């Protein structure tokens, strides 16, 4: 709650779907936050991230807070699809065979070219997630030809931060 009091709104991006407000605050490093008023498609997410990073100043390292992944349905779908075909994810248990689900989702996102391409010339130094949420496969949009049992538990949402560094 304290974080909300010190965060400062400093701009916005008008996506075709809705407005994306930007917030900025300093912690141990600069933190920039996307606050979309609705769910965003890939192109709108890319445009918002580009506009946000253009306002970063001279920071050598910063974090981008996306909030909840479900606000970006394209990313939520990619995450669920990746887990549905992964040998590291237990469909029945709804967790990785080894390690914590937060670490699994962070590694999965970092390995997705569609996700890392959002940051253009910045290097992705870290991806952090918390509060991974699951849904049965029957309730998710999965690619044709990759059937999994309808009761398979797949990740579709989490709170997401990305740490970026200049090359």
Protein backbone atom coordinates (compact mmCIF):
# COMPACT_ATOMS: atom_id res chain seq x y z
CA UNK A 1 0.00 0.00 0.00
CA UNK A 2 2.85 2.41 0.80
CA UNK A 3 4.24 1.84 -2.69
CA UNK A 4 1.06 3.24 -4.20
CA UNK A 5 1.44 6.41 -2.17
CA UNK A 6 4.94 7.16 -3.47
CA UNK A 7 4.46 6.03 -7.07
CA UNK A 8 4.05 8.91 -9.47
CA UNK A 9 1.98 8.81 -12.62
CA UNK A 10 4.11 10.23 -15.43
CA UNK A 11 2.49 9.44 -18.74
CA UNK A 12 0.34 7.10 -20.72
CA UNK A 13 -0.01 5.25 -23.98
CA UNK A 14 -3.27 5.14 -25.90
CA UNK A 15 -3.62 1.58 -27.21
CA UNK A 16 -6.44 0.71 -29.60
CA UNK A 17 -8.06 -1.31 -26.79
CA UNK A 18 -7.72 1.26 -23.98
CA UNK A 19 -5.40 3.64 -22.15
CA UNK A 20 -2.25 2.32 -20.44
CA UNK A 21 -1.13 4.57 -17.59
CA UNK A 22 2.53 4.68 -16.55
CA UNK A 23 3.91 4.98 -13.04
CA UNK A 24 7.48 5.59 -11.95
CA UNK A 25 9.17 5.26 -8.60
CA UNK A 26 12.59 4.66 -7.14
CA UNK A 27 13.45 1.71 -4.95
CA UNK A 28 16.91 0.17 -5.11
CA UNK A 29 16.54 0.85 -8.84
CA UNK A 30 14.09 2.67 -11.05
CA UNK A 31 10.74 0.86 -11.30
CA UNK A 32 8.39 1.62 -14.19
CA UNK A 33 4.88 0.22 -14.08
CA UNK A 34 2.32 -0.46 -16.81
CA UNK A 35 -1.31 0.00 -15.69
CA UNK A 36 -3.59 -1.04 -18.55
CA UNK A 37 -7.28 -0.18 -18.18
CA UNK A 38 -8.20 -3.36 -20.08
CA UNK A 39 -6.69 -6.53 -21.53
CA UNK A 40 -4.02 -5.77 -24.16
CA UNK A 41 -3.06 -7.57 -27.36
CA UNK A 42 0.54 -8.18 -28.37
CA UNK A 43 0.90 -5.10 -30.58
CA UNK A 44 -0.53 -2.83 -27.91
CA UNK A 45 1.70 -4.35 -25.24
CA UNK A 46 4.71 -3.81 -27.51
CA UNK A 47 3.71 -0.19 -28.15
CA UNK A 48 3.13 0.50 -24.44
CA UNK A 49 6.47 -1.03 -23.42
CA UNK A 50 8.27 0.94 -26.13
CA UNK A 51 6.62 4.20 -24.98
CA UNK A 52 7.36 3.42 -21.33
CA UNK A 53 11.04 2.67 -21.95
CA UNK A 54 11.42 5.82 -24.06
CA UNK A 55 10.73 7.84 -20.88
CA UNK A 56 13.26 6.05 -18.67
CA UNK A 57 15.93 8.74 -18.75
CA UNK A 58 19.52 7.63 -18.42
CA UNK A 59 18.98 4.60 -16.17
CA UNK A 60 21.47 1.79 -16.72
CA UNK A 61 19.18 -0.73 -15.01
CA UNK A 62 15.47 -0.67 -14.28
CA UNK A 63 12.51 -2.89 -13.55
CA UNK A 64 9.24 -3.00 -15.44
CA UNK A 65 6.20 -4.07 -13.48
CA UNK A 66 3.52 -5.61 -15.67
CA UNK A 67 1.09 -6.42 -12.88
CA UNK A 68 -0.96 -9.53 -13.61
CA UNK A 69 -0.19 -11.59 -16.70
CA UNK A 70 -3.89 -12.12 -17.38
CA UNK A 71 -4.08 -8.43 -18.43
CA UNK A 72 -2.07 -9.57 -21.47
CA UNK A 73 -4.15 -12.50 -22.88
CA UNK A 74 -1.57 -13.28 -25.57
CA UNK A 75 1.06 -13.82 -22.86
CA UNK A 76 -1.29 -15.81 -20.65
CA UNK A 77 -2.10 -18.10 -23.59
CA UNK A 78 1.60 -18.53 -24.46
CA UNK A 79 2.37 -19.48 -20.88
CA UNK A 80 -0.42 -22.07 -20.70
CA UNK A 81 0.54 -23.53 -24.08
CA UNK A 82 4.20 -23.75 -23.09
CA UNK A 83 3.35 -25.61 -19.88
CA UNK A 84 0.92 -27.92 -21.71
CA UNK A 85 3.79 -29.30 -23.79
CA UNK A 86 6.59 -29.09 -21.23
CA UNK A 87 8.26 -32.17 -19.79
CA UNK A 88 9.04 -30.10 -16.69
CA UNK A 89 5.38 -29.31 -15.82
CA UNK A 90 3.13 -31.89 -14.13
CA UNK A 91 -0.29 -31.56 -15.74
CA UNK A 92 -1.96 -33.59 -12.98
CA UNK A 93 -0.32 -31.84 -10.03
CA UNK A 94 -0.34 -28.34 -11.53
CA UNK A 95 3.27 -27.64 -10.64
CA UNK A 96 6.76 -28.32 -11.95
CA UNK A 97 8.26 -31.72 -11.24
CA UNK A 98 11.18 -29.93 -9.59
CA UNK A 99 11.36 -26.48 -8.02
CA UNK A 100 8.74 -23.84 -7.37
CA UNK A 101 6.06 -22.73 -9.81
CA UNK A 102 7.27 -19.10 -9.58
CA UNK A 103 10.72 -20.12 -10.82
CA UNK A 104 9.20 -22.30 -13.55
CA UNK A 105 7.00 -19.48 -14.90
CA UNK A 106 9.86 -16.96 -14.74
CA UNK A 107 12.13 -19.30 -16.72
CA UNK A 108 9.37 -20.06 -19.23
CA UNK A 109 8.76 -16.36 -19.89
CA UNK A 110 12.44 -15.61 -20.22
CA UNK A 111 12.69 -18.32 -22.86
CA UNK A 112 9.84 -16.95 -25.01
CA UNK A 113 11.11 -14.87 -27.95
CA UNK A 114 7.71 -13.16 -28.24
CA UNK A 115 8.11 -11.91 -24.68
CA UNK A 116 11.78 -10.93 -24.73
CA UNK A 117 11.28 -9.09 -28.06
CA UNK A 118 9.15 -6.53 -26.19
CA UNK A 119 12.29 -4.97 -24.73
CA UNK A 120 14.11 -4.35 -28.03
CA UNK A 121 17.65 -3.13 -27.30
CA UNK A 122 17.51 -3.72 -23.54
CA UNK A 123 18.95 -6.93 -22.07
CA UNK A 124 16.62 -8.99 -19.91
CA UNK A 125 18.64 -9.39 -16.71
CA UNK A 126 15.90 -11.09 -14.73
CA UNK A 127 12.27 -12.15 -14.69
CA UNK A 128 10.45 -12.51 -11.40
CA UNK A 129 6.93 -13.75 -10.75
CA UNK A 130 4.82 -14.44 -7.72
CA UNK A 131 1.37 -15.83 -7.02
CA UNK A 132 1.10 -18.18 -9.99
CA UNK A 133 -2.52 -19.07 -10.69
CA UNK A 134 -3.75 -22.23 -12.43
CA UNK A 135 -6.78 -23.17 -14.52
CA UNK A 136 -7.97 -26.46 -15.96
CA UNK A 137 -6.98 -26.87 -19.62
CA UNK A 138 -10.67 -27.02 -20.60
CA UNK A 139 -11.00 -23.34 -19.56
CA UNK A 140 -7.98 -22.12 -21.53
CA UNK A 141 -7.30 -21.33 -25.17
CA UNK A 142 -4.81 -23.99 -26.26
CA UNK A 143 -3.38 -24.57 -29.71
CA UNK A 144 -5.04 -27.15 -31.91
CA UNK A 145 -3.06 -30.34 -32.22
CA UNK A 146 -1.67 -30.17 -28.68
CA UNK A 147 -4.40 -31.90 -26.73
CA UNK A 148 -4.04 -32.39 -23.01
CA UNK A 149 -6.61 -33.85 -20.64
CA UNK A 150 -9.30 -31.21 -19.90
CA UNK A 151 -8.59 -31.40 -16.16
CA UNK A 152 -4.85 -30.66 -16.63
CA UNK A 153 -3.80 -27.78 -14.38
CA UNK A 154 -1.88 -25.10 -16.26
CA UNK A 155 -0.42 -21.73 -15.26
CA UNK A 156 -2.13 -18.74 -16.85
CA UNK A 157 -1.52 -15.82 -14.49
CA UNK A 158 1.03 -14.40 -12.05
CA UNK A 159 2.35 -11.01 -10.98
CA UNK A 160 5.26 -10.15 -13.27
CA UNK A 161 8.40 -7.98 -13.04
CA UNK A 162 11.24 -7.78 -15.54
CA UNK A 163 14.67 -6.35 -14.74
CA UNK A 164 16.38 -4.74 -17.73
CA UNK A 165 19.94 -3.53 -18.30
CA UNK A 166 21.44 -1.49 -21.06
CA UNK A 167 23.83 -3.52 -23.23
